């Protein structure tokens, strides 16, 4: 009877040992999966950051270009308008001189008429 008991005990021990090994292997697999998840997410995050960094750089370049264009546009518009302003001021000056000369001429003519 004792031999049979030992035999079933041995079977239980064998079964438990096999189960233990299976559990250990599964634990090892789970740990590997955890490491993979961490590594993958770290890489994904680094890739994302690199991508955004290059987008920021690109946007920065675009911004500088656009700011430059705005400044150039401003400078050339201002230059044009200043030139027009200068031309108009000259024209006004000439016109005022003419007006003054005409008024003097009229005054002289009136005076001449009056004295006659």
PDB file of N, CA and C in Angstrom:
ATOM      1  N   UNK A   1       0.846  -1.206   0.000  1.00  0.00           N
ATOM      2  CA  UNK A   1       0.000   0.000   0.000  1.00  0.00           C
ATOM      3  C   UNK A   1       0.873   1.243   0.000  1.00  0.00           C
ATOM      4  N   UNK A   2       2.012   1.118   0.734  1.00  0.00           N
ATOM      5  CA  UNK A   2       2.886   2.305   0.830  1.00  0.00           C
ATOM      6  C   UNK A   2       3.520   2.633  -0.522  1.00  0.00           C
ATOM      7  N   UNK A   3       3.849   1.656  -1.312  1.00  0.00           N
ATOM      8  CA  UNK A   3       4.443   1.856  -2.629  1.00  0.00           C
ATOM      9  C   UNK A   3       3.517   2.638  -3.533  1.00  0.00           C
ATOM     10  N   UNK A   4       2.205   2.333  -3.466  1.00  0.00           N
ATOM     11  CA  UNK A   4       1.203   3.033  -4.289  1.00  0.00           C
ATOM     12  C   UNK A   4       1.108   4.496  -3.867  1.00  0.00           C
ATOM     13  N   UNK A   5       1.135   4.743  -2.551  1.00  0.00           N
ATOM     14  CA  UNK A   5       1.064   6.108  -2.036  1.00  0.00           C
ATOM     15  C   UNK A   5       2.260   6.936  -2.493  1.00  0.00           C
ATOM     16  N   UNK A   6       3.420   6.303  -2.405  1.00  0.00           N
ATOM     17  CA  UNK A   6       4.637   7.009  -2.851  1.00  0.00           C
ATOM     18  C   UNK A   6       4.572   7.309  -4.344  1.00  0.00           C
ATOM     19  N   UNK A   7       4.038   6.362  -5.094  1.00  0.00           N
ATOM     20  CA  UNK A   7       3.924   6.515  -6.540  1.00  0.00           C
ATOM     21  C   UNK A   7       3.036   7.712  -6.883  1.00  0.00           C
ATOM     22  N   UNK A   8       1.847   7.800  -6.240  1.00  0.00           N
ATOM     23  CA  UNK A   8       0.959   8.944  -6.544  1.00  0.00           C
ATOM     24  C   UNK A   8       1.580  10.256  -6.062  1.00  0.00           C
ATOM     25  N   UNK A   9       2.313  10.199  -4.936  1.00  0.00           N
ATOM     26  CA  UNK A   9       3.007  11.394  -4.444  1.00  0.00           C
ATOM     27  C   UNK A   9       4.051  11.855  -5.471  1.00  0.00           C
ATOM     28  N   UNK A  10       4.786  10.841  -6.025  1.00  0.00           N
ATOM     29  CA  UNK A  10       5.779  11.155  -7.043  1.00  0.00           C
ATOM     30  C   UNK A  10       5.116  11.807  -8.257  1.00  0.00           C
ATOM     31  N   UNK A  11       3.948  11.283  -8.668  1.00  0.00           N
ATOM     32  CA  UNK A  11       3.216  11.851  -9.823  1.00  0.00           C
ATOM     33  C   UNK A  11       2.815  13.296  -9.525  1.00  0.00           C
ATOM     34  N   UNK A  12       2.312  13.531  -8.302  1.00  0.00           N
ATOM     35  CA  UNK A  12       1.907  14.886  -7.899  1.00  0.00           C
ATOM     36  C   UNK A  12       3.116  15.819  -7.956  1.00  0.00           C
ATOM     37  N   UNK A  13       4.243  15.333  -7.400  1.00  0.00           N
ATOM     38  CA  UNK A  13       5.473  16.135  -7.393  1.00  0.00           C
ATOM     39  C   UNK A  13       5.906  16.456  -8.830  1.00  0.00           C
ATOM     40  N   UNK A  14       5.875  15.450  -9.691  1.00  0.00           N
ATOM     41  CA  UNK A  14       6.248  15.665 -11.092  1.00  0.00           C
ATOM     42  C   UNK A  14       5.330  16.699 -11.740  1.00  0.00           C
ATOM     43  N   UNK A  15       4.011  16.512 -11.540  1.00  0.00           N
ATOM     44  CA  UNK A  15       3.033  17.454 -12.095  1.00  0.00           C
ATOM     45  C   UNK A  15       3.294  18.874 -11.587  1.00  0.00           C
ATOM     46  N   UNK A  16       3.518  18.999 -10.276  1.00  0.00           N
ATOM     47  CA  UNK A  16       3.790  20.312  -9.681  1.00  0.00           C
ATOM     48  C   UNK A  16       5.067  20.915 -10.251  1.00  0.00           C
ATOM     49  N   UNK A  17       6.103  20.098 -10.397  1.00  0.00           N
ATOM     50  CA  UNK A  17       7.379  20.588 -10.937  1.00  0.00           C
ATOM     51  C   UNK A  17       7.178  21.116 -12.363  1.00  0.00           C
ATOM     52  N   UNK A  18       6.412  20.354 -13.163  1.00  0.00           N
ATOM     53  CA  UNK A  18       6.136  20.783 -14.531  1.00  0.00           C
ATOM     54  C   UNK A  18       5.354  22.105 -14.512  1.00  0.00           C
ATOM     55  N   UNK A  19       4.322  22.156 -13.675  1.00  0.00           N
ATOM     56  CA  UNK A  19       3.521  23.386 -13.552  1.00  0.00           C
ATOM     57  C   UNK A  19       4.398  24.568 -13.126  1.00  0.00           C
ATOM     58  N   UNK A  20       5.266  24.318 -12.137  1.00  0.00           N
ATOM     59  CA  UNK A  20       6.183  25.364 -11.676  1.00  0.00           C
ATOM     60  C   UNK A  20       7.017  25.912 -12.827  1.00  0.00           C
ATOM     61  N   UNK A  21       7.558  25.000 -13.634  1.00  0.00           N
ATOM     62  CA  UNK A  21       8.389  25.419 -14.752  1.00  0.00           C
ATOM     63  C   UNK A  21       7.556  26.230 -15.750  1.00  0.00           C
ATOM     64  N   UNK A  22       6.312  25.759 -16.008  1.00  0.00           N
ATOM     65  CA  UNK A  22       5.428  26.492 -16.917  1.00  0.00           C
ATOM     66  C   UNK A  22       5.170  27.907 -16.391  1.00  0.00           C
ATOM     67  N   UNK A  23       4.895  27.991 -15.085  1.00  0.00           N
ATOM     68  CA  UNK A  23       4.632  29.308 -14.477  1.00  0.00           C
ATOM     69  C   UNK A  23       5.874  30.191 -14.577  1.00  0.00           C
ATOM     70  N   UNK A  24       7.044  29.619 -14.295  1.00  0.00           N
ATOM     71  CA  UNK A  24       8.297  30.385 -14.397  1.00  0.00           C
ATOM     72  C   UNK A  24       8.508  30.893 -15.821  1.00  0.00           C
ATOM     73  N   UNK A  25       8.272  30.014 -16.801  1.00  0.00           N
ATOM     74  CA  UNK A  25       8.406  30.428 -18.198  1.00  0.00           C
ATOM     75  C   UNK A  25       7.423  31.555 -18.537  1.00  0.00           C
ATOM     76  N   UNK A  26       6.189  31.407 -18.023  1.00  0.00           N
ATOM     77  CA  UNK A  26       5.172  32.422 -18.295  1.00  0.00           C
ATOM     78  C   UNK A  26       5.571  33.761 -17.674  1.00  0.00           C
ATOM     79  N   UNK A  27       6.085  33.687 -16.420  1.00  0.00           N
ATOM     80  CA  UNK A  27       6.565  34.905 -15.738  1.00  0.00           C
ATOM     81  C   UNK A  27       7.683  35.553 -16.555  1.00  0.00           C
ATOM     82  N   UNK A  28       8.605  34.711 -17.068  1.00  0.00           N
ATOM     83  CA  UNK A  28       9.702  35.228 -17.889  1.00  0.00           C
ATOM     84  C   UNK A  28       9.145  35.925 -19.134  1.00  0.00           C
ATOM     85  N   UNK A  29       8.162  35.265 -19.785  1.00  0.00           N
ATOM     86  CA  UNK A  29       7.527  35.864 -20.973  1.00  0.00           C
ATOM     87  C   UNK A  29       6.884  37.210 -20.633  1.00  0.00           C
ATOM     88  N   UNK A  30       6.167  37.256 -19.509  1.00  0.00           N
ATOM     89  CA  UNK A  30       5.503  38.498 -19.096  1.00  0.00           C
ATOM     90  C   UNK A  30       6.526  39.607 -18.870  1.00  0.00           C
ATOM     91  N   UNK A  31       7.644  39.252 -18.201  1.00  0.00           N
ATOM     92  CA  UNK A  31       8.693  40.254 -17.961  1.00  0.00           C
ATOM     93  C   UNK A  31       9.269  40.759 -19.278  1.00  0.00           C
ATOM     94  N   UNK A  32       9.489  39.831 -20.229  1.00  0.00           N
ATOM     95  CA  UNK A  32       9.980  40.222 -21.552  1.00  0.00           C
ATOM     96  C   UNK A  32       8.990  41.178 -22.228  1.00  0.00           C
ATOM     97  N   UNK A  33       7.692  40.825 -22.149  1.00  0.00           N
ATOM     98  CA  UNK A  33       6.652  41.673 -22.755  1.00  0.00           C
ATOM     99  C   UNK A  33       6.667  43.071 -22.155  1.00  0.00           C
ATOM    100  N   UNK A  34       6.811  43.131 -20.830  1.00  0.00           N
ATOM    101  CA  UNK A  34       6.864  44.429 -20.149  1.00  0.00           C
ATOM    102  C   UNK A  34       8.052  45.239 -20.661  1.00  0.00           C
ATOM    103  N   UNK A  35       9.221  44.590 -20.771  1.00  0.00           N
ATOM    104  CA  UNK A  35      10.417  45.283 -21.275  1.00  0.00           C
ATOM    105  C   UNK A  35      10.192  45.774 -22.708  1.00  0.00           C
ATOM    106  N   UNK A  36       9.541  44.927 -23.528  1.00  0.00           N
ATOM    107  CA  UNK A  36       9.268  45.319 -24.913  1.00  0.00           C
ATOM    108  C   UNK A  36       8.331  46.524 -24.978  1.00  0.00           C
ATOM    109  N   UNK A  37       7.279  46.473 -24.156  1.00  0.00           N
ATOM    110  CA  UNK A  37       6.331  47.593 -24.122  1.00  0.00           C
ATOM    111  C   UNK A  37       7.064  48.881 -23.747  1.00  0.00           C
ATOM    112  N   UNK A  38       7.908  48.806 -22.713  1.00  0.00           N
ATOM    113  CA  UNK A  38       8.660  49.991 -22.273  1.00  0.00           C
ATOM    114  C   UNK A  38       9.585  50.494 -23.372  1.00  0.00           C
ATOM    115  N   UNK A  39      10.322  49.559 -23.995  1.00  0.00           N
ATOM    116  CA  UNK A  39      11.263  49.940 -25.055  1.00  0.00           C
ATOM    117  C   UNK A  39      10.512  50.554 -26.238  1.00  0.00           C
ATOM    118  N   UNK A  40       9.403  49.917 -26.630  1.00  0.00           N
ATOM    119  CA  UNK A  40       8.622  50.421 -27.774  1.00  0.00           C
ATOM    120  C   UNK A  40       8.053  51.805 -27.498  1.00  0.00           C
ATOM    121  N   UNK A  41       7.518  51.986 -26.290  1.00  0.00           N
ATOM    122  CA  UNK A  41       6.910  53.287 -25.996  1.00  0.00           C
ATOM    123  C   UNK A  41       7.974  54.368 -25.895  1.00  0.00           C
ATOM    124  N   UNK A  42       9.148  54.018 -25.349  1.00  0.00           N
ATOM    125  CA  UNK A  42      10.254  54.978 -25.292  1.00  0.00           C
ATOM    126  C   UNK A  42      10.670  55.381 -26.703  1.00  0.00           C
ATOM    127  N   UNK A  43      10.813  54.370 -27.587  1.00  0.00           N
ATOM    128  CA  UNK A  43      11.206  54.664 -28.970  1.00  0.00           C
ATOM    129  C   UNK A  43      10.135  55.504 -29.667  1.00  0.00           C
ATOM    130  N   UNK A  44       8.872  55.133 -29.457  1.00  0.00           N
ATOM    131  CA  UNK A  44       7.779  55.894 -30.087  1.00  0.00           C
ATOM    132  C   UNK A  44       7.812  57.350 -29.629  1.00  0.00           C
ATOM    133  N   UNK A  45       8.045  57.544 -28.331  1.00  0.00           N
ATOM    134  CA  UNK A  45       8.091  58.904 -27.780  1.00  0.00           C
ATOM    135  C   UNK A  45       9.272  59.686 -28.359  1.00  0.00           C
ATOM    136  N   UNK A  46      10.434  59.026 -28.458  1.00  0.00           N
ATOM    137  CA  UNK A  46      11.611  59.692 -29.027  1.00  0.00           C
ATOM    138  C   UNK A  46      11.374  60.062 -30.487  1.00  0.00           C
ATOM    139  N   UNK A  47      10.767  59.124 -31.254  1.00  0.00           N
ATOM    140  CA  UNK A  47      10.455  59.412 -32.660  1.00  0.00           C
ATOM    141  C   UNK A  47       9.522  60.611 -32.768  1.00  0.00           C
ATOM    142  N   UNK A  48       8.498  60.614 -31.914  1.00  0.00           N
ATOM    143  CA  UNK A  48       7.522  61.707 -31.922  1.00  0.00           C
ATOM    144  C   UNK A  48       8.205  63.040 -31.621  1.00  0.00           C
ATOM    145  N   UNK A  49       9.062  63.020 -30.603  1.00  0.00           N
ATOM    146  CA  UNK A  49       9.756  64.256 -30.229  1.00  0.00           C
ATOM    147  C   UNK A  49      10.657  64.744 -31.353  1.00  0.00           C
ATOM    148  N   UNK A  50      11.350  63.812 -32.009  1.00  0.00           N
ATOM    149  CA  UNK A  50      12.220  64.184 -33.131  1.00  0.00           C
ATOM    150  C   UNK A  50      11.387  64.788 -34.264  1.00  0.00           C
ATOM    151  N   UNK A  51      10.236  64.154 -34.529  1.00  0.00           N
ATOM    152  CA  UNK A  51       9.367  64.639 -35.607  1.00  0.00           C
ATOM    153  C   UNK A  51       8.859  66.053 -35.297  1.00  0.00           C
ATOM    154  N   UNK A  52       8.421  66.259 -34.067  1.00  0.00           N
ATOM    155  CA  UNK A  52       7.928  67.582 -33.687  1.00  0.00           C
ATOM    156  C   UNK A  52       9.057  68.608 -33.702  1.00  0.00           C
ATOM    157  N   UNK A  53      10.262  68.175 -33.284  1.00  0.00           N
ATOM    158  CA  UNK A  53      11.405  69.087 -33.303  1.00  0.00           C
ATOM    159  C   UNK A  53      11.650  69.580 -34.723  1.00  0.00           C
ATOM    160  N   UNK A  54      11.584  68.656 -35.694  1.00  0.00           N
ATOM    161  CA  UNK A  54      11.841  69.086 -37.071  1.00  0.00           C
ATOM    162  C   UNK A  54      10.686  69.945 -37.584  1.00  0.00           C
ATOM    163  N   UNK A  55       9.464  69.663 -37.124  1.00  0.00           N
ATOM    164  CA  UNK A  55       8.328  70.521 -37.487  1.00  0.00           C
ATOM    165  C   UNK A  55       8.508  71.926 -36.923  1.00  0.00           C
ATOM    166  N   UNK A  56       8.936  71.998 -35.644  1.00  0.00           N
ATOM    167  CA  UNK A  56       9.182  73.306 -35.028  1.00  0.00           C
ATOM    168  C   UNK A  56      10.224  74.077 -35.831  1.00  0.00           C
ATOM    169  N   UNK A  57      11.305  73.386 -36.215  1.00  0.00           N
ATOM    170  CA  UNK A  57      12.369  74.035 -36.988  1.00  0.00           C
ATOM    171  C   UNK A  57      11.819  74.561 -38.308  1.00  0.00           C
ATOM    172  N   UNK A  58      11.027  73.709 -38.967  1.00  0.00           N
ATOM    173  CA  UNK A  58      10.438  74.090 -40.247  1.00  0.00           C
ATOM    174  C   UNK A  58       9.529  75.308 -40.069  1.00  0.00           C
ATOM    175  N   UNK A  59       8.672  75.262 -39.053  1.00  0.00           N
ATOM    176  CA  UNK A  59       7.753  76.373 -38.783  1.00  0.00           C
ATOM    177  C   UNK A  59       8.535  77.653 -38.473  1.00  0.00           C
ATOM    178  N   UNK A  60       9.616  77.497 -37.725  1.00  0.00           N
ATOM    179  CA  UNK A  60      10.460  78.644 -37.388  1.00  0.00           C
ATOM    180  C   UNK A  60      11.029  79.281 -38.655  1.00  0.00           C
ATOM    181  N   UNK A  61      11.532  78.437 -39.576  1.00  0.00           N
ATOM    182  CA  UNK A  61      12.062  78.949 -40.845  1.00  0.00           C
ATOM    183  C   UNK A  61      10.969  79.667 -41.622  1.00  0.00           C
ATOM    184  N   UNK A  62       9.798  79.032 -41.702  1.00  0.00           N
ATOM    185  CA  UNK A  62       8.676  79.634 -42.421  1.00  0.00           C
ATOM    186  C   UNK A  62       8.318  80.986 -41.813  1.00  0.00           C
ATOM    187  N   UNK A  63       8.276  81.016 -40.491  1.00  0.00           N
ATOM    188  CA  UNK A  63       7.938  82.258 -39.791  1.00  0.00           C
ATOM    189  C   UNK A  63       8.942  83.352 -40.135  1.00  0.00           C
ATOM    190  N   UNK A  64      10.237  83.003 -40.087  1.00  0.00           N
ATOM    191  CA  UNK A  64      11.275  83.992 -40.410  1.00  0.00           C
ATOM    192  C   UNK A  64      11.131  84.507 -41.836  1.00  0.00           C
ATOM    193  N   UNK A  65      10.866  83.576 -42.768  1.00  0.00           N
ATOM    194  CA  UNK A  65      10.654  83.979 -44.162  1.00  0.00           C
ATOM    195  C   UNK A  65       9.484  84.949 -44.273  1.00  0.00           C
ATOM    196  N   UNK A  66       8.371  84.598 -43.613  1.00  0.00           N
ATOM    197  CA  UNK A  66       7.169  85.430 -43.708  1.00  0.00           C
ATOM    198  C   UNK A  66       7.382  86.795 -43.070  1.00  0.00           C
ATOM    199  N   UNK A  67       8.048  86.807 -41.913  1.00  0.00           N
ATOM    200  CA  UNK A  67       8.356  88.076 -41.247  1.00  0.00           C
ATOM    201  C   UNK A  67       9.231  88.939 -42.161  1.00  0.00           C
ATOM    202  N   UNK A  68      10.237  88.303 -42.790  1.00  0.00           N
ATOM    203  CA  UNK A  68      11.122  89.017 -43.712  1.00  0.00           C
ATOM    204  C   UNK A  68      10.322  89.619 -44.865  1.00  0.00           C
ATOM    205  N   UNK A  69       9.413  88.817 -45.442  1.00  0.00           N
ATOM    206  CA  UNK A  69       8.591  89.307 -46.553  1.00  0.00           C
ATOM    207  C   UNK A  69       7.746  90.499 -46.114  1.00  0.00           C
ATOM    208  N   UNK A  70       7.152  90.400 -44.921  1.00  0.00           N
ATOM    209  CA  UNK A  70       6.331  91.501 -44.404  1.00  0.00           C
ATOM    210  C   UNK A  70       7.180  92.761 -44.255  1.00  0.00           C
ATOM    211  N   UNK A  71       8.389  92.609 -43.699  1.00  0.00           N
ATOM    212  CA  UNK A  71       9.279  93.767 -43.510  1.00  0.00           C
ATOM    213  C   UNK A  71       9.692  94.384 -44.844  1.00  0.00           C
ATOM    214  N   UNK A  72      10.015  93.503 -45.819  1.00  0.00           N
ATOM    215  CA  UNK A  72      10.407  94.003 -47.145  1.00  0.00           C
ATOM    216  C   UNK A  72       9.234  94.747 -47.791  1.00  0.00           C
ATOM    217  N   UNK A  73       8.048  94.164 -47.704  1.00  0.00           N
ATOM    218  CA  UNK A  73       6.845  94.784 -48.257  1.00  0.00           C
ATOM    219  C   UNK A  73       6.627  96.158 -47.622  1.00  0.00           C
ATOM    220  N   UNK A  74       6.767  96.197 -46.293  1.00  0.00           N
ATOM    221  CA  UNK A  74       6.612  97.461 -45.560  1.00  0.00           C
ATOM    222  C   UNK A  74       7.617  98.491 -46.048  1.00  0.00           C
ATOM    223  N   UNK A  75       8.878  98.073 -46.166  1.00  0.00           N
ATOM    224  CA  UNK A  75       9.934  98.999 -46.586  1.00  0.00           C
ATOM    225  C   UNK A  75       9.653  99.538 -47.988  1.00  0.00           C
ATOM    226  N   UNK A  76       9.269  98.650 -48.913  1.00  0.00           N
ATOM    227  CA  UNK A  76       9.090  99.120 -50.287  1.00  0.00           C
ATOM    228  C   UNK A  76       7.835  99.989 -50.409  1.00  0.00           C
ATOM    229  N   UNK A  77       6.770  99.638 -49.689  1.00  0.00           N
ATOM    230  CA  UNK A  77       5.548 100.472 -49.689  1.00  0.00           C
ATOM    231  C   UNK A  77       5.855 101.854 -49.098  1.00  0.00           C
ATOM    232  N   UNK A  78       6.565 101.846 -47.961  1.00  0.00           N
ATOM    233  CA  UNK A  78       6.909 103.110 -47.297  1.00  0.00           C
ATOM    234  C   UNK A  78       7.763 103.975 -48.224  1.00  0.00           C
ATOM    235  N   UNK A  79       8.737 103.344 -48.887  1.00  0.00           N
ATOM    236  CA  UNK A  79       9.610 104.067 -49.813  1.00  0.00           C
ATOM    237  C   UNK A  79       8.781 104.713 -50.929  1.00  0.00           C
ATOM    238  N   UNK A  80       7.879 103.922 -51.535  1.00  0.00           N
ATOM    239  CA  UNK A  80       6.999 104.444 -52.595  1.00  0.00           C
ATOM    240  C   UNK A  80       6.194 105.648 -52.104  1.00  0.00           C
ATOM    241  N   UNK A  81       5.560 105.458 -50.939  1.00  0.00           N
ATOM    242  CA  UNK A  81       4.694 106.518 -50.414  1.00  0.00           C
ATOM    243  C   UNK A  81       5.501 107.763 -50.039  1.00  0.00           C
ATOM    244  N   UNK A  82       6.711 107.569 -49.482  1.00  0.00           N
ATOM    245  CA  UNK A  82       7.572 108.709 -49.156  1.00  0.00           C
ATOM    246  C   UNK A  82       7.926 109.482 -50.429  1.00  0.00           C
ATOM    247  N   UNK A  83       8.214 108.729 -51.510  1.00  0.00           N
ATOM    248  CA  UNK A  83       8.555 109.374 -52.778  1.00  0.00           C
ATOM    249  C   UNK A  83       7.367 110.190 -53.284  1.00  0.00           C
ATOM    250  N   UNK A  84       6.167 109.614 -53.207  1.00  0.00           N
ATOM    251  CA  UNK A  84       4.958 110.342 -53.625  1.00  0.00           C
ATOM    252  C   UNK A  84       4.759 111.590 -52.775  1.00  0.00           C
ATOM    253  N   UNK A  85       4.978 111.413 -51.467  1.00  0.00           N
ATOM    254  CA  UNK A  85       4.823 112.537 -50.540  1.00  0.00           C
ATOM    255  C   UNK A  85       5.790 113.663 -50.898  1.00  0.00           C
ATOM    256  N   UNK A  86       7.044 113.297 -51.170  1.00  0.00           N
ATOM    257  CA  UNK A  86       8.050 114.296 -51.530  1.00  0.00           C
ATOM    258  C   UNK A  86       7.638 115.009 -52.821  1.00  0.00           C
ATOM    259  N   UNK A  87       7.180 114.244 -53.820  1.00  0.00           N
ATOM    260  CA  UNK A  87       6.746 114.838 -55.095  1.00  0.00           C
ATOM    261  C   UNK A  87       5.577 115.794 -54.875  1.00  0.00           C
ATOM    262  N   UNK A  88       4.611 115.367 -54.057  1.00  0.00           N
ATOM    263  CA  UNK A  88       3.441 116.220 -53.778  1.00  0.00           C
ATOM    264  C   UNK A  88       3.845 117.493 -53.044  1.00  0.00           C
ATOM    265  N   UNK A  89       4.771 117.367 -52.096  1.00  0.00           N
ATOM    266  CA  UNK A  89       5.233 118.554 -51.356  1.00  0.00           C
ATOM    267  C   UNK A  89       5.897 119.551 -52.302  1.00  0.00           C
ATOM    268  N   UNK A  90       6.732 119.033 -53.231  1.00  0.00           N
ATOM    269  CA  UNK A  90       7.374 119.896 -54.231  1.00  0.00           C
ATOM    270  C   UNK A  90       6.327 120.596 -55.082  1.00  0.00           C
ATOM    271  N   UNK A  91       5.342 119.811 -55.537  1.00  0.00           N
ATOM    272  CA  UNK A  91       4.283 120.370 -56.387  1.00  0.00           C
ATOM    273  C   UNK A  91       3.529 121.467 -55.644  1.00  0.00           C
ATOM    274  N   UNK A  92       3.252 121.217 -54.362  1.00  0.00           N
ATOM    275  CA  UNK A  92       2.536 122.192 -53.551  1.00  0.00           C
ATOM    276  C   UNK A  92       3.360 123.474 -53.414  1.00  0.00           C
ATOM    277  N   UNK A  93       4.642 123.300 -53.177  1.00  0.00           N
ATOM    278  CA  UNK A  93       5.545 124.447 -53.043  1.00  0.00           C
ATOM    279  C   UNK A  93       5.516 125.295 -54.325  1.00  0.00           C
ATOM    280  N   UNK A  94       5.679 124.614 -55.476  1.00  0.00           N
ATOM    281  CA  UNK A  94       5.641 125.323 -56.767  1.00  0.00           C
ATOM    282  C   UNK A  94       4.312 126.032 -56.950  1.00  0.00           C
ATOM    283  N   UNK A  95       3.245 125.322 -56.620  1.00  0.00           N
ATOM    284  CA  UNK A  95       1.901 125.875 -56.785  1.00  0.00           C
ATOM    285  C   UNK A  95       1.717 127.116 -55.910  1.00  0.00           C
ATOM    286  N   UNK A  96       2.233 127.044 -54.691  1.00  0.00           N
ATOM    287  CA  UNK A  96       2.121 128.198 -53.782  1.00  0.00           C
ATOM    288  C   UNK A  96       2.931 129.388 -54.303  1.00  0.00           C
ATOM    289  N   UNK A  97       4.131 129.072 -54.852  1.00  0.00           N
ATOM    290  CA  UNK A  97       4.947 130.149 -55.430  1.00  0.00           C
ATOM    291  C   UNK A  97       4.212 130.809 -56.601  1.00  0.00           C
ATOM    292  N   UNK A  98       3.611 129.982 -57.449  1.00  0.00           N
ATOM    293  CA  UNK A  98       2.851 130.501 -58.594  1.00  0.00           C
ATOM    294  C   UNK A  98       1.693 131.371 -58.123  1.00  0.00           C
ATOM    295  N   UNK A  99       0.999 130.846 -57.114  1.00  0.00           N
ATOM    296  CA  UNK A  99      -0.148 131.576 -56.566  1.00  0.00           C
ATOM    297  C   UNK A  99       0.290 132.937 -56.038  1.00  0.00           C
ATOM    298  N   UNK A 100       1.396 132.914 -55.333  1.00  0.00           N
ATOM    299  CA  UNK A 100       1.927 134.175 -54.773  1.00  0.00           C
ATOM    300  C   UNK A 100       2.297 135.140 -55.907  1.00  0.00           C
ATOM    301  N   UNK A 101       2.984 134.616 -56.925  1.00  0.00           N
ATOM    302  CA  UNK A 101       3.387 135.447 -58.065  1.00  0.00           C
ATOM    303  C   UNK A 101       2.154 136.012 -58.766  1.00  0.00           C
ATOM    304  N   UNK A 102       1.137 135.152 -58.953  1.00  0.00           N
ATOM    305  CA  UNK A 102      -0.095 135.594 -59.620  1.00  0.00           C
ATOM    306  C   UNK A 102      -0.777 136.686 -58.802  1.00  0.00           C
ATOM    307  N   UNK A 103      -0.840 136.474 -57.487  1.00  0.00           N
ATOM    308  CA  UNK A 103      -1.451 137.480 -56.615  1.00  0.00           C
ATOM    309  C   UNK A 103      -0.701 138.806 -56.690  1.00  0.00           C
ATOM    310  N   UNK A 104       0.632 138.730 -56.707  1.00  0.00           N
ATOM    311  CA  UNK A 104       1.438 139.952 -56.817  1.00  0.00           C
ATOM    312  C   UNK A 104       1.171 140.637 -58.146  1.00  0.00           C
ATOM    313  N   UNK A 105       1.122 139.835 -59.206  1.00  0.00           N
ATOM    314  CA  UNK A 105       0.862 140.401 -60.533  1.00  0.00           C
ATOM    315  C   UNK A 105      -0.494 141.086 -60.555  1.00  0.00           C
ATOM    316  N   UNK A 106      -1.489 140.409 -59.976  1.00  0.00           N
ATOM    317  CA  UNK A 106      -2.839 140.983 -59.927  1.00  0.00           C
ATOM    318  C   UNK A 106      -2.832 142.272 -59.123  1.00  0.00           C
ATOM    319  N   UNK A 107      -2.131 142.248 -58.004  1.00  0.00           N
ATOM    320  CA  UNK A 107      -2.022 143.444 -57.167  1.00  0.00           C
ATOM    321  C   UNK A 107      -1.386 144.594 -57.926  1.00  0.00           C
ATOM    322  N   UNK A 108      -0.335 144.296 -58.624  1.00  0.00           N
ATOM    323  CA  UNK A 108       0.369 145.321 -59.406  1.00  0.00           C
ATOM    324  C   UNK A 108      -0.529 145.878 -60.500  1.00  0.00           C
ATOM    325  N   UNK A 109      -1.264 144.958 -61.179  1.00  0.00           N
ATOM    326  CA  UNK A 109      -2.173 145.386 -62.243  1.00  0.00           C
ATOM    327  C   UNK A 109      -3.264 146.280 -61.689  1.00  0.00           C
ATOM    328  N   UNK A 110      -3.843 145.850 -60.552  1.00  0.00           N
ATOM    329  CA  UNK A 110      -4.892 146.655 -59.905  1.00  0.00           C
ATOM    330  C   UNK A 110      -4.355 148.018 -59.510  1.00  0.00           C
ATOM    331  N   UNK A 111      -3.175 148.005 -58.970  1.00  0.00           N
ATOM    332  CA  UNK A 111      -2.549 149.261 -58.554  1.00  0.00           C
ATOM    333  C   UNK A 111      -2.340 150.191 -59.741  1.00  0.00           C
ATOM    334  N   UNK A 112      -1.874 149.539 -60.857  1.00  0.00           N
ATOM    335  CA  UNK A 112      -1.638 150.270 -62.105  1.00  0.00           C
ATOM    336  C   UNK A 112      -2.948 150.874 -62.609  1.00  0.00           C
ATOM    337  N   UNK A 113      -4.017 150.004 -62.606  1.00  0.00           N
ATOM    338  CA  UNK A 113      -5.344 150.490 -63.037  1.00  0.00           C
ATOM    339  C   UNK A 113      -5.789 151.633 -62.133  1.00  0.00           C
ATOM    340  N   UNK A 114      -5.561 151.427 -60.854  1.00  0.00           N
ATOM    341  CA  UNK A 114      -6.034 152.419 -59.870  1.00  0.00           C
ATOM    342  C   UNK A 114      -5.323 153.753 -60.044  1.00  0.00           C
ATOM    343  N   UNK A 115      -4.000 153.635 -60.314  1.00  0.00           N
ATOM    344  CA  UNK A 115      -3.256 154.888 -60.433  1.00  0.00           C
ATOM    345  C   UNK A 115      -3.575 155.615 -61.720  1.00  0.00           C
ATOM    346  N   UNK A 116      -4.101 154.898 -62.698  1.00  0.00           N
ATOM    347  CA  UNK A 116      -4.471 155.582 -63.946  1.00  0.00           C
ATOM    348  C   UNK A 116      -5.770 156.220 -63.824  1.00  0.00           C
TER     349      UNK A 116
END
